[in-house]
Amino acid sequence: MVGDSPMDIEMAKKAGAAGCIGICWGKSEVNYLQGADVAIAHLEEIKVF
């Protein structure tokens, strides 16, 4: 699951998502995404193998 708010991350955790990617849209401050499994700045950082 990819989300950009604390509510998105909480929803992913409660739903049992396999993982949660917090996206900060280029902002340097990502404290509000600390519950995510990983935080990124841009969608292009997501790599699917």
PDB file of N, CA and C in Angstrom:
ATOM      1  N   MET A   1       0.850  -1.165   0.000  1.00  0.00           N
ATOM      2  CA  MET A   1       0.000   0.000   0.000  1.00  0.00           C
ATOM      3  C   MET A   1       0.894   1.226   0.000  1.00  0.00           C
ATOM      4  N   VAL A   2       0.529   2.245  -0.752  1.00  0.00           N
ATOM      5  CA  VAL A   2       1.261   3.509  -0.779  1.00  0.00           C
ATOM      6  C   VAL A   2       0.335   4.587  -0.239  1.00  0.00           C
ATOM      7  N   GLY A   3       0.830   5.370   0.707  1.00  0.00           N
ATOM      8  CA  GLY A   3       0.019   6.439   1.280  1.00  0.00           C
ATOM      9  C   GLY A   3       0.849   7.631   1.680  1.00  0.00           C
ATOM     10  N   ASP A   4       0.177   8.767   1.828  1.00  0.00           N
ATOM     11  CA  ASP A   4       0.898   9.987   2.174  1.00  0.00           C
ATOM     12  C   ASP A   4       0.375  10.671   3.427  1.00  0.00           C
ATOM     13  N   SER A   5      -0.338   9.916   4.249  1.00  0.00           N
ATOM     14  CA  SER A   5      -0.836  10.502   5.491  1.00  0.00           C
ATOM     15  C   SER A   5      -0.778   9.469   6.609  1.00  0.00           C
ATOM     16  N   PRO A   6      -0.775   9.912   7.842  1.00  0.00           N
ATOM     17  CA  PRO A   6      -0.792   8.969   8.963  1.00  0.00           C
ATOM     18  C   PRO A   6      -2.009   8.048   8.917  1.00  0.00           C
ATOM     19  N   MET A   7      -3.145   8.562   8.448  1.00  0.00           N
ATOM     20  CA  MET A   7      -4.353   7.732   8.355  1.00  0.00           C
ATOM     21  C   MET A   7      -4.182   6.617   7.321  1.00  0.00           C
ATOM     22  N   ASP A   8      -3.484   6.899   6.215  1.00  0.00           N
ATOM     23  CA  ASP A   8      -3.216   5.870   5.206  1.00  0.00           C
ATOM     24  C   ASP A   8      -2.391   4.736   5.806  1.00  0.00           C
ATOM     25  N   ILE A   9      -1.374   5.094   6.558  1.00  0.00           N
ATOM     26  CA  ILE A   9      -0.493   4.100   7.154  1.00  0.00           C
ATOM     27  C   ILE A   9      -1.236   3.280   8.196  1.00  0.00           C
ATOM     28  N   GLU A  10      -2.028   3.936   9.012  1.00  0.00           N
ATOM     29  CA  GLU A  10      -2.823   3.229  10.013  1.00  0.00           C
ATOM     30  C   GLU A  10      -3.798   2.260   9.345  1.00  0.00           C
ATOM     31  N   MET A  11      -4.447   2.702   8.274  1.00  0.00           N
ATOM     32  CA  MET A  11      -5.391   1.855   7.556  1.00  0.00           C
ATOM     33  C   MET A  11      -4.687   0.626   6.988  1.00  0.00           C
ATOM     34  N   ALA A  12      -3.509   0.815   6.406  1.00  0.00           N
ATOM     35  CA  ALA A  12      -2.756  -0.304   5.835  1.00  0.00           C
ATOM     36  C   ALA A  12      -2.398  -1.316   6.909  1.00  0.00           C
ATOM     37  N   LYS A  13      -1.956  -0.844   8.058  1.00  0.00           N
ATOM     38  CA  LYS A  13      -1.587  -1.740   9.159  1.00  0.00           C
ATOM     39  C   LYS A  13      -2.811  -2.509   9.658  1.00  0.00           C
ATOM     40  N   LYS A  14      -3.908  -1.811   9.861  1.00  0.00           N
ATOM     41  CA  LYS A  14      -5.129  -2.464  10.358  1.00  0.00           C
ATOM     42  C   LYS A  14      -5.703  -3.453   9.354  1.00  0.00           C
ATOM     43  N   ALA A  15      -5.509  -3.186   8.061  1.00  0.00           N
ATOM     44  CA  ALA A  15      -6.030  -4.071   7.024  1.00  0.00           C
ATOM     45  C   ALA A  15      -5.123  -5.279   6.787  1.00  0.00           C
ATOM     46  N   GLY A  16      -3.949  -5.272   7.399  1.00  0.00           N
ATOM     47  CA  GLY A  16      -3.027  -6.385   7.227  1.00  0.00           C
ATOM     48  C   GLY A  16      -2.286  -6.359   5.906  1.00  0.00           C
ATOM     49  N   ALA A  17      -2.068  -5.167   5.367  1.00  0.00           N
ATOM     50  CA  ALA A  17      -1.337  -5.045   4.101  1.00  0.00           C
ATOM     51  C   ALA A  17       0.051  -5.675   4.240  1.00  0.00           C
ATOM     52  N   ALA A  18       0.544  -6.253   3.162  1.00  0.00           N
ATOM     53  CA  ALA A  18       1.862  -6.889   3.175  1.00  0.00           C
ATOM     54  C   ALA A  18       2.969  -5.879   3.467  1.00  0.00           C
ATOM     55  N   GLY A  19       2.748  -4.626   3.133  1.00  0.00           N
ATOM     56  CA  GLY A  19       3.726  -3.584   3.375  1.00  0.00           C
ATOM     57  C   GLY A  19       3.104  -2.223   3.158  1.00  0.00           C
ATOM     58  N   CYS A  20       3.744  -1.222   3.730  1.00  0.00           N
ATOM     59  CA  CYS A  20       3.238   0.146   3.612  1.00  0.00           C
ATOM     60  C   CYS A  20       4.379   1.076   3.237  1.00  0.00           C
ATOM     61  N   ILE A  21       4.228   1.747   2.100  1.00  0.00           N
ATOM     62  CA  ILE A  21       5.200   2.722   1.632  1.00  0.00           C
ATOM     63  C   ILE A  21       4.629   4.108   1.885  1.00  0.00           C
ATOM     64  N   GLY A  22       5.344   4.890   2.667  1.00  0.00           N
ATOM     65  CA  GLY A  22       4.934   6.271   2.909  1.00  0.00           C
ATOM     66  C   GLY A  22       5.612   7.173   1.900  1.00  0.00           C
ATOM     67  N   ILE A  23       4.838   8.018   1.241  1.00  0.00           N
ATOM     68  CA  ILE A  23       5.415   8.936   0.252  1.00  0.00           C
ATOM     69  C   ILE A  23       5.261  10.363   0.734  1.00  0.00           C
ATOM     70  N   CYS A  24       6.357  11.115   0.659  1.00  0.00           N
ATOM     71  CA  CYS A  24       6.343  12.487   1.185  1.00  0.00           C
ATOM     72  C   CYS A  24       6.346  13.533   0.074  1.00  0.00           C
ATOM     73  N   TRP A  25       6.267  13.119  -1.170  1.00  0.00           N
ATOM     74  CA  TRP A  25       6.166  14.012  -2.326  1.00  0.00           C
ATOM     75  C   TRP A  25       7.265  15.068  -2.354  1.00  0.00           C
ATOM     76  N   GLY A  26       8.506  14.653  -2.105  1.00  0.00           N
ATOM     77  CA  GLY A  26       9.653  15.535  -2.219  1.00  0.00           C
ATOM     78  C   GLY A  26       9.952  16.377  -1.000  1.00  0.00           C
ATOM     79  N   LYS A  27       9.099  16.343   0.008  1.00  0.00           N
ATOM     80  CA  LYS A  27       9.332  17.134   1.215  1.00  0.00           C
ATOM     81  C   LYS A  27      10.407  16.473   2.069  1.00  0.00           C
ATOM     82  N   SER A  28      11.223  17.272   2.714  1.00  0.00           N
ATOM     83  CA  SER A  28      12.303  16.712   3.525  1.00  0.00           C
ATOM     84  C   SER A  28      11.821  16.192   4.878  1.00  0.00           C
ATOM     85  N   GLU A  29      10.704  16.658   5.360  1.00  0.00           N
ATOM     86  CA  GLU A  29      10.179  16.253   6.673  1.00  0.00           C
ATOM     87  C   GLU A  29       9.229  15.077   6.512  1.00  0.00           C
ATOM     88  N   VAL A  30       9.581  13.933   7.086  1.00  0.00           N
ATOM     89  CA  VAL A  30       8.738  12.750   6.961  1.00  0.00           C
ATOM     90  C   VAL A  30       8.364  12.153   8.316  1.00  0.00           C
ATOM     91  N   ASN A  31       8.400  12.924   9.374  1.00  0.00           N
ATOM     92  CA  ASN A  31       8.046  12.401  10.697  1.00  0.00           C
ATOM     93  C   ASN A  31       6.649  11.806  10.722  1.00  0.00           C
ATOM     94  N   TYR A  32       5.739  12.370   9.973  1.00  0.00           N
ATOM     95  CA  TYR A  32       4.360  11.878   9.971  1.00  0.00           C
ATOM     96  C   TYR A  32       4.232  10.527   9.278  1.00  0.00           C
ATOM     97  N   LEU A  33       5.295  10.052   8.632  1.00  0.00           N
ATOM     98  CA  LEU A  33       5.275   8.752   7.963  1.00  0.00           C
ATOM     99  C   LEU A  33       6.083   7.699   8.725  1.00  0.00           C
ATOM    100  N   GLN A  34       6.430   7.969   9.964  1.00  0.00           N
ATOM    101  CA  GLN A  34       7.322   7.075  10.690  1.00  0.00           C
ATOM    102  C   GLN A  34       6.758   5.675  10.901  1.00  0.00           C
ATOM    103  N   GLY A  35       5.456   5.478  10.790  1.00  0.00           N
ATOM    104  CA  GLY A  35       4.875   4.157  10.945  1.00  0.00           C
ATOM    105  C   GLY A  35       4.942   3.302   9.685  1.00  0.00           C
ATOM    106  N   ALA A  36       5.355   3.903   8.560  1.00  0.00           N
ATOM    107  CA  ALA A  36       5.450   3.156   7.299  1.00  0.00           C
ATOM    108  C   ALA A  36       6.644   2.207   7.336  1.00  0.00           C
ATOM    109  N   ASP A  37       6.578   1.156   6.539  1.00  0.00           N
ATOM    110  CA  ASP A  37       7.701   0.227   6.452  1.00  0.00           C
ATOM    111  C   ASP A  37       8.899   0.879   5.777  1.00  0.00           C
ATOM    112  N   VAL A  38       8.631   1.769   4.847  1.00  0.00           N
ATOM    113  CA  VAL A  38       9.678   2.514   4.150  1.00  0.00           C
ATOM    114  C   VAL A  38       9.078   3.849   3.717  1.00  0.00           C
ATOM    115  N   ALA A  39       9.904   4.886   3.638  1.00  0.00           N
ATOM    116  CA  ALA A  39       9.440   6.200   3.184  1.00  0.00           C
ATOM    117  C   ALA A  39      10.221   6.587   1.929  1.00  0.00           C
ATOM    118  N   ILE A  40       9.510   7.136   0.963  1.00  0.00           N
ATOM    119  CA  ILE A  40      10.115   7.591  -0.281  1.00  0.00           C
ATOM    120  C   ILE A  40       9.676   9.024  -0.563  1.00  0.00           C
ATOM    121  N   ALA A  41      10.389   9.673  -1.489  1.00  0.00           N
ATOM    122  CA  ALA A  41      10.050  11.049  -1.850  1.00  0.00           C
ATOM    123  C   ALA A  41       9.246  11.126  -3.145  1.00  0.00           C
ATOM    124  N   HIS A  42       9.438  10.150  -4.040  1.00  0.00           N
ATOM    125  CA  HIS A  42       8.790  10.168  -5.354  1.00  0.00           C
ATOM    126  C   HIS A  42       8.361   8.752  -5.741  1.00  0.00           C
ATOM    127  N   LEU A  43       7.259   8.625  -6.466  1.00  0.00           N
ATOM    128  CA  LEU A  43       6.769   7.306  -6.880  1.00  0.00           C
ATOM    129  C   LEU A  43       7.803   6.542  -7.708  1.00  0.00           C
ATOM    130  N   GLU A  44       8.653   7.236  -8.435  1.00  0.00           N
ATOM    131  CA  GLU A  44       9.654   6.589  -9.278  1.00  0.00           C
ATOM    132  C   GLU A  44      10.632   5.747  -8.460  1.00  0.00           C
ATOM    133  N   GLU A  45      10.668   5.951  -7.153  1.00  0.00           N
ATOM    134  CA  GLU A  45      11.560   5.184  -6.295  1.00  0.00           C
ATOM    135  C   GLU A  45      11.059   3.751  -6.059  1.00  0.00           C
ATOM    136  N   ILE A  46       9.816   3.478  -6.395  1.00  0.00           N
ATOM    137  CA  ILE A  46       9.270   2.131  -6.224  1.00  0.00           C
ATOM    138  C   ILE A  46       9.757   1.266  -7.377  1.00  0.00           C
ATOM    139  N   LYS A  47      10.425   0.173  -7.043  1.00  0.00           N
ATOM    140  CA  LYS A  47      10.916  -0.771  -8.039  1.00  0.00           C
ATOM    141  C   LYS A  47      10.203  -2.099  -7.858  1.00  0.00           C
ATOM    142  N   VAL A  48       9.661  -2.632  -8.935  1.00  0.00           N
ATOM    143  CA  VAL A  48       8.984  -3.927  -8.924  1.00  0.00           C
ATOM    144  C   VAL A  48       9.877  -4.924  -9.641  1.00  0.00           C
ATOM    145  N   PHE A  49      10.176  -6.017  -8.959  1.00  0.00           N
ATOM    146  CA  PHE A  49      11.066  -7.029  -9.549  1.00  0.00           C
ATOM    147  C   PHE A  49      10.286  -8.247  -9.955  1.00  0.00           C
TER     148      PHE A  49
END
